[in-house]
């Protein structure tokens, strides 16, 4: 059974940094390394939006508002995906969700809250 568990959220001041982690279970090394992984976020009153994705070949793509500030990466040996977030802004405040597209089926983590405020 596929499970995704996020960690690393919290309260940070504008301009600060956080690193989110997503630990995936229910995968073998081969299946995780071939799975497209992503981070989404949902702010209060807004729709969930894609933040960043990383393919099996480690190609990455970002939504425009985070380009140059966020970096997605993966460690296939640890079945883990990361989101390094720098130069955080109040508008980055949201619940961040890890996502996996596993054999055509989507899986979600429970989310981790990121709050950017002074």
PDB file of N, CA and C in Angstrom:
ATOM      1  N   UNK A   1       0.849  -1.186   0.000  1.00  0.00           N
ATOM      2  CA  UNK A   1       0.000   0.000   0.000  1.00  0.00           C
ATOM      3  C   UNK A   1       0.889   1.241   0.000  1.00  0.00           C
ATOM      4  N   UNK A   2       0.629   2.135  -0.944  1.00  0.00           N
ATOM      5  CA  UNK A   2       1.430   3.346  -1.059  1.00  0.00           C
ATOM      6  C   UNK A   2       1.022   4.354   0.008  1.00  0.00           C
ATOM      7  N   UNK A   3       2.004   4.883   0.707  1.00  0.00           N
ATOM      8  CA  UNK A   3       1.760   5.950   1.675  1.00  0.00           C
ATOM      9  C   UNK A   3       2.814   7.027   1.500  1.00  0.00           C
ATOM     10  N   UNK A   4       2.376   8.281   1.655  1.00  0.00           N
ATOM     11  CA  UNK A   4       3.261   9.428   1.573  1.00  0.00           C
ATOM     12  C   UNK A   4       3.131  10.218   2.862  1.00  0.00           C
ATOM     13  N   UNK A   5       4.248  10.512   3.492  1.00  0.00           N
ATOM     14  CA  UNK A   5       4.226  11.244   4.761  1.00  0.00           C
ATOM     15  C   UNK A   5       5.131  12.456   4.644  1.00  0.00           C
ATOM     16  N   UNK A   6       4.534  13.647   4.753  1.00  0.00           N
ATOM     17  CA  UNK A   6       5.296  14.897   4.671  1.00  0.00           C
ATOM     18  C   UNK A   6       5.772  15.326   6.055  1.00  0.00           C
ATOM     19  N   UNK A   7       6.859  16.058   6.069  1.00  0.00           N
ATOM     20  CA  UNK A   7       7.364  16.671   7.292  1.00  0.00           C
ATOM     21  C   UNK A   7       8.164  17.907   6.920  1.00  0.00           C
ATOM     22  N   UNK A   8       8.450  18.725   7.941  1.00  0.00           N
ATOM     23  CA  UNK A   8       9.309  19.879   7.727  1.00  0.00           C
ATOM     24  C   UNK A   8       8.602  21.218   7.670  1.00  0.00           C
ATOM     25  N   UNK A   9       7.282  21.215   7.730  1.00  0.00           N
ATOM     26  CA  UNK A   9       6.566  22.482   7.721  1.00  0.00           C
ATOM     27  C   UNK A   9       6.735  23.235   9.025  1.00  0.00           C
ATOM     28  N   UNK A  10       6.228  24.468   9.053  1.00  0.00           N
ATOM     29  CA  UNK A  10       6.313  25.261  10.268  1.00  0.00           C
ATOM     30  C   UNK A  10       6.109  26.727   9.997  1.00  0.00           C
ATOM     31  N   UNK A  11       6.434  27.534  10.995  1.00  0.00           N
ATOM     32  CA  UNK A  11       6.319  28.986  10.911  1.00  0.00           C
ATOM     33  C   UNK A  11       7.698  29.577  10.621  1.00  0.00           C
ATOM     34  N   UNK A  12       7.769  30.438   9.633  1.00  0.00           N
ATOM     35  CA  UNK A  12       9.039  31.058   9.262  1.00  0.00           C
ATOM     36  C   UNK A  12       8.790  32.515   8.893  1.00  0.00           C
ATOM     37  N   UNK A  13       9.777  33.347   9.121  1.00  0.00           N
ATOM     38  CA  UNK A  13       9.656  34.765   8.766  1.00  0.00           C
ATOM     39  C   UNK A  13       9.866  34.962   7.270  1.00  0.00           C
ATOM     40  N   UNK A  14       9.319  36.019   6.718  1.00  0.00           N
ATOM     41  CA  UNK A  14       9.579  36.323   5.305  1.00  0.00           C
ATOM     42  C   UNK A  14      11.079  36.393   5.032  1.00  0.00           C
ATOM     43  N   UNK A  15      11.467  35.798   3.912  1.00  0.00           N
ATOM     44  CA  UNK A  15      12.878  35.725   3.564  1.00  0.00           C
ATOM     45  C   UNK A  15      13.579  34.489   4.084  1.00  0.00           C
ATOM     46  N   UNK A  16      12.911  33.736   4.938  1.00  0.00           N
ATOM     47  CA  UNK A  16      13.502  32.541   5.515  1.00  0.00           C
ATOM     48  C   UNK A  16      13.403  31.331   4.613  1.00  0.00           C
ATOM     49  N   UNK A  17      13.862  30.201   5.147  1.00  0.00           N
ATOM     50  CA  UNK A  17      13.905  28.955   4.377  1.00  0.00           C
ATOM     51  C   UNK A  17      13.308  27.803   5.176  1.00  0.00           C
ATOM     52  N   UNK A  18      12.794  26.842   4.440  1.00  0.00           N
ATOM     53  CA  UNK A  18      12.331  25.577   5.009  1.00  0.00           C
ATOM     54  C   UNK A  18      12.639  24.474   4.009  1.00  0.00           C
ATOM     55  N   UNK A  19      12.821  23.254   4.513  1.00  0.00           N
ATOM     56  CA  UNK A  19      12.940  22.103   3.634  1.00  0.00           C
ATOM     57  C   UNK A  19      11.875  21.088   4.013  1.00  0.00           C
ATOM     58  N   UNK A  20      11.030  20.792   3.074  1.00  0.00           N
ATOM     59  CA  UNK A  20      10.005  19.781   3.259  1.00  0.00           C
ATOM     60  C   UNK A  20      10.524  18.429   2.773  1.00  0.00           C
ATOM     61  N   UNK A  21      10.101  17.384   3.468  1.00  0.00           N
ATOM     62  CA  UNK A  21      10.443  16.023   3.066  1.00  0.00           C
ATOM     63  C   UNK A  21       9.169  15.218   2.872  1.00  0.00           C
ATOM     64  N   UNK A  22       9.218  14.282   1.956  1.00  0.00           N
ATOM     65  CA  UNK A  22       8.106  13.370   1.717  1.00  0.00           C
ATOM     66  C   UNK A  22       8.674  11.957   1.668  1.00  0.00           C
ATOM     67  N   UNK A  23       8.369  11.183   2.703  1.00  0.00           N
ATOM     68  CA  UNK A  23       8.830   9.803   2.779  1.00  0.00           C
ATOM     69  C   UNK A  23       7.754   8.893   2.192  1.00  0.00           C
ATOM     70  N   UNK A  24       8.145   8.115   1.198  1.00  0.00           N
ATOM     71  CA  UNK A  24       7.204   7.237   0.506  1.00  0.00           C
ATOM     72  C   UNK A  24       7.421   5.792   0.920  1.00  0.00           C
ATOM     73  N   UNK A  25       6.337   5.089   1.191  1.00  0.00           N
ATOM     74  CA  UNK A  25       6.419   3.659   1.498  1.00  0.00           C
ATOM     75  C   UNK A  25       5.466   2.909   0.575  1.00  0.00           C
ATOM     76  N   UNK A  26       5.691   1.607   0.501  1.00  0.00           N
ATOM     77  CA  UNK A  26       4.878   0.804  -0.401  1.00  0.00           C
ATOM     78  C   UNK A  26       5.461   0.691  -1.787  1.00  0.00           C
ATOM     79  N   UNK A  27       6.665   1.302  -1.960  1.00  0.00           N
ATOM     80  CA  UNK A  27       7.369   1.224  -3.230  1.00  0.00           C
ATOM     81  C   UNK A  27       8.573   0.309  -3.085  1.00  0.00           C
ATOM     82  N   UNK A  28       8.969  -0.302  -4.196  1.00  0.00           N
ATOM     83  CA  UNK A  28      10.315  -0.874  -4.239  1.00  0.00           C
ATOM     84  C   UNK A  28      11.242   0.217  -4.746  1.00  0.00           C
ATOM     85  N   UNK A  29      12.551  -0.028  -4.716  1.00  0.00           N
ATOM     86  CA  UNK A  29      13.499   0.963  -5.223  1.00  0.00           C
ATOM     87  C   UNK A  29      13.209   1.264  -6.688  1.00  0.00           C
ATOM     88  N   UNK A  30      12.937   0.226  -7.458  1.00  0.00           N
ATOM     89  CA  UNK A  30      12.731   0.420  -8.894  1.00  0.00           C
ATOM     90  C   UNK A  30      11.449   1.193  -9.156  1.00  0.00           C
ATOM     91  N   UNK A  31      10.374   0.866  -8.451  1.00  0.00           N
ATOM     92  CA  UNK A  31       9.102   1.541  -8.729  1.00  0.00           C
ATOM     93  C   UNK A  31       9.143   2.988  -8.254  1.00  0.00           C
ATOM     94  N   UNK A  32       9.795   3.267  -7.119  1.00  0.00           N
ATOM     95  CA  UNK A  32       9.864   4.655  -6.677  1.00  0.00           C
ATOM     96  C   UNK A  32      10.684   5.482  -7.659  1.00  0.00           C
ATOM     97  N   UNK A  33      11.800   4.948  -8.077  1.00  0.00           N
ATOM     98  CA  UNK A  33      12.678   5.716  -8.959  1.00  0.00           C
ATOM     99  C   UNK A  33      12.026   5.994 -10.309  1.00  0.00           C
ATOM    100  N   UNK A  34      11.011   5.235 -10.672  1.00  0.00           N
ATOM    101  CA  UNK A  34      10.336   5.443 -11.949  1.00  0.00           C
ATOM    102  C   UNK A  34       9.025   6.215 -11.804  1.00  0.00           C
ATOM    103  N   UNK A  35       8.746   6.702 -10.602  1.00  0.00           N
ATOM    104  CA  UNK A  35       7.493   7.408 -10.320  1.00  0.00           C
ATOM    105  C   UNK A  35       7.682   8.920 -10.376  1.00  0.00           C
ATOM    106  N   UNK A  36       6.775   9.589 -11.068  1.00  0.00           N
ATOM    107  CA  UNK A  36       6.784  11.053 -11.071  1.00  0.00           C
ATOM    108  C   UNK A  36       6.264  11.534  -9.717  1.00  0.00           C
ATOM    109  N   UNK A  37       7.031  12.387  -9.070  1.00  0.00           N
ATOM    110  CA  UNK A  37       6.669  12.911  -7.751  1.00  0.00           C
ATOM    111  C   UNK A  37       6.475  14.416  -7.849  1.00  0.00           C
ATOM    112  N   UNK A  38       5.610  14.929  -6.987  1.00  0.00           N
ATOM    113  CA  UNK A  38       5.367  16.365  -7.037  1.00  0.00           C
ATOM    114  C   UNK A  38       4.975  16.930  -5.688  1.00  0.00           C
ATOM    115  N   UNK A  39       5.043  18.247  -5.608  1.00  0.00           N
ATOM    116  CA  UNK A  39       4.548  18.998  -4.460  1.00  0.00           C
ATOM    117  C   UNK A  39       3.451  19.941  -4.939  1.00  0.00           C
ATOM    118  N   UNK A  40       2.346  19.941  -4.200  1.00  0.00           N
ATOM    119  CA  UNK A  40       1.242  20.854  -4.438  1.00  0.00           C
ATOM    120  C   UNK A  40       1.030  21.667  -3.165  1.00  0.00           C
ATOM    121  N   UNK A  41       0.266  22.741  -3.296  1.00  0.00           N
ATOM    122  CA  UNK A  41      -0.079  23.506  -2.096  1.00  0.00           C
ATOM    123  C   UNK A  41      -1.497  24.053  -2.237  1.00  0.00           C
ATOM    124  N   UNK A  42      -2.107  24.291  -1.078  1.00  0.00           N
ATOM    125  CA  UNK A  42      -3.458  24.843  -1.052  1.00  0.00           C
ATOM    126  C   UNK A  42      -3.541  25.884   0.051  1.00  0.00           C
ATOM    127  N   UNK A  43      -3.779  27.107  -0.361  1.00  0.00           N
ATOM    128  CA  UNK A  43      -3.953  28.201   0.577  1.00  0.00           C
ATOM    129  C   UNK A  43      -5.433  28.307   0.936  1.00  0.00           C
ATOM    130  N   UNK A  44      -5.746  28.912   2.077  1.00  0.00           N
ATOM    131  CA  UNK A  44      -7.154  29.048   2.489  1.00  0.00           C
ATOM    132  C   UNK A  44      -7.983  29.754   1.423  1.00  0.00           C
ATOM    133  N   UNK A  45      -9.108  29.155   1.065  1.00  0.00           N
ATOM    134  CA  UNK A  45     -10.001  29.758   0.091  1.00  0.00           C
ATOM    135  C   UNK A  45      -9.564  29.636  -1.344  1.00  0.00           C
ATOM    136  N   UNK A  46      -8.477  28.911  -1.584  1.00  0.00           N
ATOM    137  CA  UNK A  46      -7.971  28.771  -2.946  1.00  0.00           C
ATOM    138  C   UNK A  46      -7.914  27.304  -3.352  1.00  0.00           C
ATOM    139  N   UNK A  47      -7.814  27.088  -4.664  1.00  0.00           N
ATOM    140  CA  UNK A  47      -7.687  25.728  -5.169  1.00  0.00           C
ATOM    141  C   UNK A  47      -6.267  25.214  -4.956  1.00  0.00           C
ATOM    142  N   UNK A  48      -6.170  23.907  -4.881  1.00  0.00           N
ATOM    143  CA  UNK A  48      -4.848  23.287  -4.791  1.00  0.00           C
ATOM    144  C   UNK A  48      -4.103  23.519  -6.103  1.00  0.00           C
ATOM    145  N   UNK A  49      -2.826  23.885  -5.992  1.00  0.00           N
ATOM    146  CA  UNK A  49      -2.032  24.166  -7.186  1.00  0.00           C
ATOM    147  C   UNK A  49      -0.717  23.406  -7.167  1.00  0.00           C
ATOM    148  N   UNK A  50      -0.250  23.089  -8.366  1.00  0.00           N
ATOM    149  CA  UNK A  50       1.034  22.416  -8.503  1.00  0.00           C
ATOM    150  C   UNK A  50       2.156  23.405  -8.195  1.00  0.00           C
ATOM    151  N   UNK A  51       3.105  22.962  -7.398  1.00  0.00           N
ATOM    152  CA  UNK A  51       4.280  23.777  -7.070  1.00  0.00           C
ATOM    153  C   UNK A  51       5.484  23.319  -7.889  1.00  0.00           C
ATOM    154  N   UNK A  52       5.752  22.008  -7.852  1.00  0.00           N
ATOM    155  CA  UNK A  52       6.931  21.482  -8.544  1.00  0.00           C
ATOM    156  C   UNK A  52       6.759  19.989  -8.774  1.00  0.00           C
ATOM    157  N   UNK A  53       7.359  19.501  -9.859  1.00  0.00           N
ATOM    158  CA  UNK A  53       7.373  18.074 -10.105  1.00  0.00           C
ATOM    159  C   UNK A  53       8.778  17.638 -10.469  1.00  0.00           C
ATOM    160  N   UNK A  54       9.053  16.341 -10.261  1.00  0.00           N
ATOM    161  CA  UNK A  54      10.330  15.769 -10.650  1.00  0.00           C
ATOM    162  C   UNK A  54      10.052  14.404 -11.259  1.00  0.00           C
ATOM    163  N   UNK A  55      10.627  14.165 -12.414  1.00  0.00           N
ATOM    164  CA  UNK A  55      10.386  12.924 -13.128  1.00  0.00           C
ATOM    165  C   UNK A  55      11.368  11.845 -12.698  1.00  0.00           C
ATOM    166  N   UNK A  56      11.192  10.669 -13.295  1.00  0.00           N
ATOM    167  CA  UNK A  56      12.107   9.569 -12.998  1.00  0.00           C
ATOM    168  C   UNK A  56      13.524   9.905 -13.433  1.00  0.00           C
ATOM    169  N   UNK A  57      13.660  10.718 -14.454  1.00  0.00           N
ATOM    170  CA  UNK A  57      14.980  11.113 -14.919  1.00  0.00           C
ATOM    171  C   UNK A  57      15.502  12.368 -14.246  1.00  0.00           C
ATOM    172  N   UNK A  58      14.809  12.788 -13.182  1.00  0.00           N
ATOM    173  CA  UNK A  58      15.197  13.963 -12.384  1.00  0.00           C
ATOM    174  C   UNK A  58      15.020  15.279 -13.133  1.00  0.00           C
ATOM    175  N   UNK A  59      14.220  15.268 -14.184  1.00  0.00           N
ATOM    176  CA  UNK A  59      13.840  16.542 -14.787  1.00  0.00           C
ATOM    177  C   UNK A  59      12.836  17.224 -13.880  1.00  0.00           C
ATOM    178  N   UNK A  60      12.910  18.538 -13.811  1.00  0.00           N
ATOM    179  CA  UNK A  60      12.052  19.267 -12.893  1.00  0.00           C
ATOM    180  C   UNK A  60      11.262  20.353 -13.614  1.00  0.00           C
ATOM    181  N   UNK A  61      10.147  20.719 -12.992  1.00  0.00           N
ATOM    182  CA  UNK A  61       9.349  21.815 -13.516  1.00  0.00           C
ATOM    183  C   UNK A  61       8.705  22.521 -12.331  1.00  0.00           C
ATOM    184  N   UNK A  62       8.572  23.839 -12.437  1.00  0.00           N
ATOM    185  CA  UNK A  62       8.075  24.643 -11.330  1.00  0.00           C
ATOM    186  C   UNK A  62       6.988  25.594 -11.797  1.00  0.00           C
ATOM    187  N   UNK A  63       6.074  25.913 -10.894  1.00  0.00           N
ATOM    188  CA  UNK A  63       5.137  26.979 -11.204  1.00  0.00           C
ATOM    189  C   UNK A  63       5.899  28.299 -11.156  1.00  0.00           C
ATOM    190  N   UNK A  64       5.431  29.264 -11.927  1.00  0.00           N
ATOM    191  CA  UNK A  64       6.202  30.483 -12.117  1.00  0.00           C
ATOM    192  C   UNK A  64       6.529  31.245 -10.846  1.00  0.00           C
ATOM    193  N   UNK A  65       5.609  31.244  -9.894  1.00  0.00           N
ATOM    194  CA  UNK A  65       5.801  32.062  -8.701  1.00  0.00           C
ATOM    195  C   UNK A  65       6.911  31.549  -7.781  1.00  0.00           C
ATOM    196  N   UNK A  66       7.372  30.318  -7.984  1.00  0.00           N
ATOM    197  CA  UNK A  66       8.414  29.768  -7.102  1.00  0.00           C
ATOM    198  C   UNK A  66       9.735  29.540  -7.823  1.00  0.00           C
ATOM    199  N   UNK A  67       9.768  29.762  -9.129  1.00  0.00           N
ATOM    200  CA  UNK A  67      11.009  29.545  -9.880  1.00  0.00           C
ATOM    201  C   UNK A  67      12.122  30.406  -9.332  1.00  0.00           C
ATOM    202  N   UNK A  68      13.279  29.784  -9.152  1.00  0.00           N
ATOM    203  CA  UNK A  68      14.425  30.493  -8.621  1.00  0.00           C
ATOM    204  C   UNK A  68      14.474  30.540  -7.108  1.00  0.00           C
ATOM    205  N   UNK A  69      13.387  30.146  -6.451  1.00  0.00           N
ATOM    206  CA  UNK A  69      13.344  30.151  -4.979  1.00  0.00           C
ATOM    207  C   UNK A  69      13.210  28.744  -4.399  1.00  0.00           C
ATOM    208  N   UNK A  70      12.479  27.872  -5.090  1.00  0.00           N
ATOM    209  CA  UNK A  70      12.236  26.508  -4.611  1.00  0.00           C
ATOM    210  C   UNK A  70      13.016  25.514  -5.470  1.00  0.00           C
ATOM    211  N   UNK A  71      13.433  24.427  -4.830  1.00  0.00           N
ATOM    212  CA  UNK A  71      14.116  23.354  -5.548  1.00  0.00           C
ATOM    213  C   UNK A  71      13.554  22.009  -5.110  1.00  0.00           C
ATOM    214  N   UNK A  72      13.100  21.218  -6.066  1.00  0.00           N
ATOM    215  CA  UNK A  72      12.628  19.864  -5.781  1.00  0.00           C
ATOM    216  C   UNK A  72      13.752  18.891  -6.109  1.00  0.00           C
ATOM    217  N   UNK A  73      13.888  17.873  -5.267  1.00  0.00           N
ATOM    218  CA  UNK A  73      14.911  16.856  -5.497  1.00  0.00           C
ATOM    219  C   UNK A  73      14.403  15.524  -4.955  1.00  0.00           C
ATOM    220  N   UNK A  74      15.108  14.465  -5.302  1.00  0.00           N
ATOM    221  CA  UNK A  74      14.697  13.147  -4.830  1.00  0.00           C
ATOM    222  C   UNK A  74      15.923  12.315  -4.486  1.00  0.00           C
ATOM    223  N   UNK A  75      15.735  11.435  -3.507  1.00  0.00           N
ATOM    224  CA  UNK A  75      16.753  10.463  -3.130  1.00  0.00           C
ATOM    225  C   UNK A  75      16.098   9.096  -3.271  1.00  0.00           C
ATOM    226  N   UNK A  76      16.358   8.434  -4.388  1.00  0.00           N
ATOM    227  CA  UNK A  76      15.680   7.173  -4.666  1.00  0.00           C
ATOM    228  C   UNK A  76      16.096   6.065  -3.693  1.00  0.00           C
ATOM    229  N   UNK A  77      17.304   6.163  -3.153  1.00  0.00           N
ATOM    230  CA  UNK A  77      17.756   5.158  -2.188  1.00  0.00           C
ATOM    231  C   UNK A  77      16.964   5.239  -0.891  1.00  0.00           C
ATOM    232  N   UNK A  78      16.419   6.424  -0.607  1.00  0.00           N
ATOM    233  CA  UNK A  78      15.648   6.629   0.619  1.00  0.00           C
ATOM    234  C   UNK A  78      14.146   6.740   0.357  1.00  0.00           C
ATOM    235  N   UNK A  79      13.738   6.581  -0.896  1.00  0.00           N
ATOM    236  CA  UNK A  79      12.316   6.746  -1.258  1.00  0.00           C
ATOM    237  C   UNK A  79      11.769   8.073  -0.724  1.00  0.00           C
ATOM    238  N   UNK A  80      12.523   9.139  -0.939  1.00  0.00           N
ATOM    239  CA  UNK A  80      12.167  10.429  -0.363  1.00  0.00           C
ATOM    240  C   UNK A  80      12.293  11.535  -1.413  1.00  0.00           C
ATOM    241  N   UNK A  81      11.353  12.460  -1.348  1.00  0.00           N
ATOM    242  CA  UNK A  81      11.381  13.656  -2.187  1.00  0.00           C
ATOM    243  C   UNK A  81      11.465  14.876  -1.271  1.00  0.00           C
ATOM    244  N   UNK A  82      12.194  15.875  -1.707  1.00  0.00           N
ATOM    245  CA  UNK A  82      12.398  17.080  -0.906  1.00  0.00           C
ATOM    246  C   UNK A  82      11.917  18.309  -1.663  1.00  0.00           C
ATOM    247  N   UNK A  83      11.565  19.331  -0.902  1.00  0.00           N
ATOM    248  CA  UNK A  83      11.297  20.642  -1.485  1.00  0.00           C
ATOM    249  C   UNK A  83      12.038  21.672  -0.635  1.00  0.00           C
ATOM    250  N   UNK A  84      13.114  22.200  -1.189  1.00  0.00           N
ATOM    251  CA  UNK A  84      13.863  23.258  -0.521  1.00  0.00           C
ATOM    252  C   UNK A  84      13.230  24.580  -0.896  1.00  0.00           C
ATOM    253  N   UNK A  85      12.803  25.336   0.094  1.00  0.00           N
ATOM    254  CA  UNK A  85      12.109  26.603  -0.147  1.00  0.00           C
ATOM    255  C   UNK A  85      12.917  27.738   0.461  1.00  0.00           C
ATOM    256  N   UNK A  86      13.405  28.622  -0.374  1.00  0.00           N
ATOM    257  CA  UNK A  86      14.183  29.781   0.053  1.00  0.00           C
ATOM    258  C   UNK A  86      13.428  31.069  -0.263  1.00  0.00           C
ATOM    259  N   UNK A  87      13.866  32.147   0.363  1.00  0.00           N
ATOM    260  CA  UNK A  87      13.272  33.468   0.131  1.00  0.00           C
ATOM    261  C   UNK A  87      11.749  33.402   0.233  1.00  0.00           C
ATOM    262  N   UNK A  88      11.282  32.788   1.285  1.00  0.00           N
ATOM    263  CA  UNK A  88       9.846  32.583   1.438  1.00  0.00           C
ATOM    264  C   UNK A  88       9.098  33.905   1.604  1.00  0.00           C
ATOM    265  N   UNK A  89       7.890  33.923   1.052  1.00  0.00           N
ATOM    266  CA  UNK A  89       7.034  35.100   1.075  1.00  0.00           C
ATOM    267  C   UNK A  89       5.724  34.758   1.777  1.00  0.00           C
ATOM    268  N   UNK A  90       5.029  35.753   2.302  1.00  0.00           N
ATOM    269  CA  UNK A  90       3.737  35.468   2.947  1.00  0.00           C
ATOM    270  C   UNK A  90       2.766  34.739   2.024  1.00  0.00           C
ATOM    271  N   UNK A  91       2.852  35.001   0.735  1.00  0.00           N
ATOM    272  CA  UNK A  91       1.937  34.328  -0.201  1.00  0.00           C
ATOM    273  C   UNK A  91       2.281  32.857  -0.426  1.00  0.00           C
ATOM    274  N   UNK A  92       3.377  32.401   0.126  1.00  0.00           N
ATOM    275  CA  UNK A  92       3.708  30.970   0.083  1.00  0.00           C
ATOM    276  C   UNK A  92       2.992  30.193   1.190  1.00  0.00           C
ATOM    277  N   UNK A  93       2.323  30.906   2.076  1.00  0.00           N
ATOM    278  CA  UNK A  93       1.594  30.254   3.165  1.00  0.00           C
ATOM    279  C   UNK A  93       0.519  29.344   2.607  1.00  0.00           C
ATOM    280  N   UNK A  94       0.549  28.074   3.011  1.00  0.00           N
ATOM    281  CA  UNK A  94      -0.385  27.072   2.499  1.00  0.00           C
ATOM    282  C   UNK A  94      -0.114  25.741   3.176  1.00  0.00           C
ATOM    283  N   UNK A  95      -1.007  24.810   2.951  1.00  0.00           N
ATOM    284  CA  UNK A  95      -0.723  23.408   3.273  1.00  0.00           C
ATOM    285  C   UNK A  95      -0.064  22.794   2.049  1.00  0.00           C
ATOM    286  N   UNK A  96       1.091  22.176   2.258  1.00  0.00           N
ATOM    287  CA  UNK A  96       1.854  21.586   1.166  1.00  0.00           C
ATOM    288  C   UNK A  96       1.648  20.069   1.169  1.00  0.00           C
ATOM    289  N   UNK A  97       1.327  19.544  -0.005  1.00  0.00           N
ATOM    290  CA  UNK A  97       1.029  18.128  -0.158  1.00  0.00           C
ATOM    291  C   UNK A  97       2.021  17.462  -1.106  1.00  0.00           C
ATOM    292  N   UNK A  98       2.436  16.282  -0.724  1.00  0.00           N
ATOM    293  CA  UNK A  98       3.249  15.444  -1.591  1.00  0.00           C
ATOM    294  C   UNK A  98       2.319  14.607  -2.474  1.00  0.00           C
ATOM    295  N   UNK A  99       2.722  14.402  -3.715  1.00  0.00           N
ATOM    296  CA  UNK A  99       1.900  13.669  -4.677  1.00  0.00           C
ATOM    297  C   UNK A  99       2.768  12.683  -5.442  1.00  0.00           C
ATOM    298  N   UNK A 100       2.192  11.501  -5.682  1.00  0.00           N
ATOM    299  CA  UNK A 100       2.864  10.497  -6.496  1.00  0.00           C
ATOM    300  C   UNK A 100       1.899  10.008  -7.568  1.00  0.00           C
ATOM    301  N   UNK A 101       2.404   9.872  -8.774  1.00  0.00           N
ATOM    302  CA  UNK A 101       1.618   9.283  -9.857  1.00  0.00           C
ATOM    303  C   UNK A 101       2.189   7.892 -10.097  1.00  0.00           C
ATOM    304  N   UNK A 102       1.540   6.899  -9.515  1.00  0.00           N
ATOM    305  CA  UNK A 102       2.066   5.534  -9.430  1.00  0.00           C
ATOM    306  C   UNK A 102       1.238   4.628 -10.315  1.00  0.00           C
ATOM    307  N   UNK A 103       1.818   4.178 -11.407  1.00  0.00           N
ATOM    308  CA  UNK A 103       1.108   3.337 -12.371  1.00  0.00           C
ATOM    309  C   UNK A 103      -0.231   3.964 -12.769  1.00  0.00           C
ATOM    310  N   UNK A 104      -0.196   5.264 -12.982  1.00  0.00           N
ATOM    311  CA  UNK A 104      -1.368   5.975 -13.446  1.00  0.00           C
ATOM    312  C   UNK A 104      -2.339   6.392 -12.373  1.00  0.00           C
ATOM    313  N   UNK A 105      -2.118   5.998 -11.133  1.00  0.00           N
ATOM    314  CA  UNK A 105      -3.010   6.367 -10.032  1.00  0.00           C
ATOM    315  C   UNK A 105      -2.357   7.420  -9.153  1.00  0.00           C
ATOM    316  N   UNK A 106      -3.132   8.453  -8.754  1.00  0.00           N
ATOM    317  CA  UNK A 106      -2.574   9.504  -7.893  1.00  0.00           C
ATOM    318  C   UNK A 106      -2.656   9.122  -6.415  1.00  0.00           C
ATOM    319  N   UNK A 107      -1.608   9.473  -5.696  1.00  0.00           N
ATOM    320  CA  UNK A 107      -1.574   9.289  -4.253  1.00  0.00           C
ATOM    321  C   UNK A 107      -1.152  10.600  -3.609  1.00  0.00           C
ATOM    322  N   UNK A 108      -1.750  10.879  -2.427  1.00  0.00           N
ATOM    323  CA  UNK A 108      -1.481  12.124  -1.717  1.00  0.00           C
ATOM    324  C   UNK A 108      -1.057  11.855  -0.290  1.00  0.00           C
ATOM    325  N   UNK A 109      -0.198  12.734   0.219  1.00  0.00           N
ATOM    326  CA  UNK A 109       0.101  12.730   1.630  1.00  0.00           C
ATOM    327  C   UNK A 109      -0.953  13.514   2.383  1.00  0.00           C
ATOM    328  N   UNK A 110      -0.765  13.610   3.709  1.00  0.00           N
ATOM    329  CA  UNK A 110      -1.763  14.279   4.546  1.00  0.00           C
ATOM    330  C   UNK A 110      -1.562  15.796   4.579  1.00  0.00           C
ATOM    331  N   UNK A 111      -0.410  16.247   4.121  1.00  0.00           N
ATOM    332  CA  UNK A 111      -0.120  17.675   4.072  1.00  0.00           C
ATOM    333  C   UNK A 111       0.659  18.163   5.276  1.00  0.00           C
ATOM    334  N   UNK A 112       1.419  19.228   5.053  1.00  0.00           N
ATOM    335  CA  UNK A 112       2.149  19.880   6.140  1.00  0.00           C
ATOM    336  C   UNK A 112       1.977  21.389   5.991  1.00  0.00           C
ATOM    337  N   UNK A 113       1.707  22.056   7.102  1.00  0.00           N
ATOM    338  CA  UNK A 113       1.408  23.492   7.062  1.00  0.00           C
ATOM    339  C   UNK A 113       2.702  24.300   7.001  1.00  0.00           C
ATOM    340  N   UNK A 114       2.736  25.239   6.078  1.00  0.00           N
ATOM    341  CA  UNK A 114       3.815  26.223   5.999  1.00  0.00           C
ATOM    342  C   UNK A 114       3.189  27.604   6.176  1.00  0.00           C
ATOM    343  N   UNK A 115       3.676  28.330   7.163  1.00  0.00           N
ATOM    344  CA  UNK A 115       3.177  29.673   7.427  1.00  0.00           C
ATOM    345  C   UNK A 115       4.348  30.649   7.390  1.00  0.00           C
ATOM    346  N   UNK A 116       4.226  31.653   6.534  1.00  0.00           N
ATOM    347  CA  UNK A 116       5.265  32.669   6.399  1.00  0.00           C
ATOM    348  C   UNK A 116       4.698  33.977   6.933  1.00  0.00           C
ATOM    349  N   UNK A 117       5.231  34.397   8.066  1.00  0.00           N
ATOM    350  CA  UNK A 117       4.688  35.577   8.727  1.00  0.00           C
ATOM    351  C   UNK A 117       5.722  36.165   9.671  1.00  0.00           C
ATOM    352  N   UNK A 118       5.676  37.482   9.810  1.00  0.00           N
ATOM    353  CA  UNK A 118       6.555  38.140  10.774  1.00  0.00           C
ATOM    354  C   UNK A 118       5.831  38.329  12.099  1.00  0.00           C
TER     355      UNK A 118
END
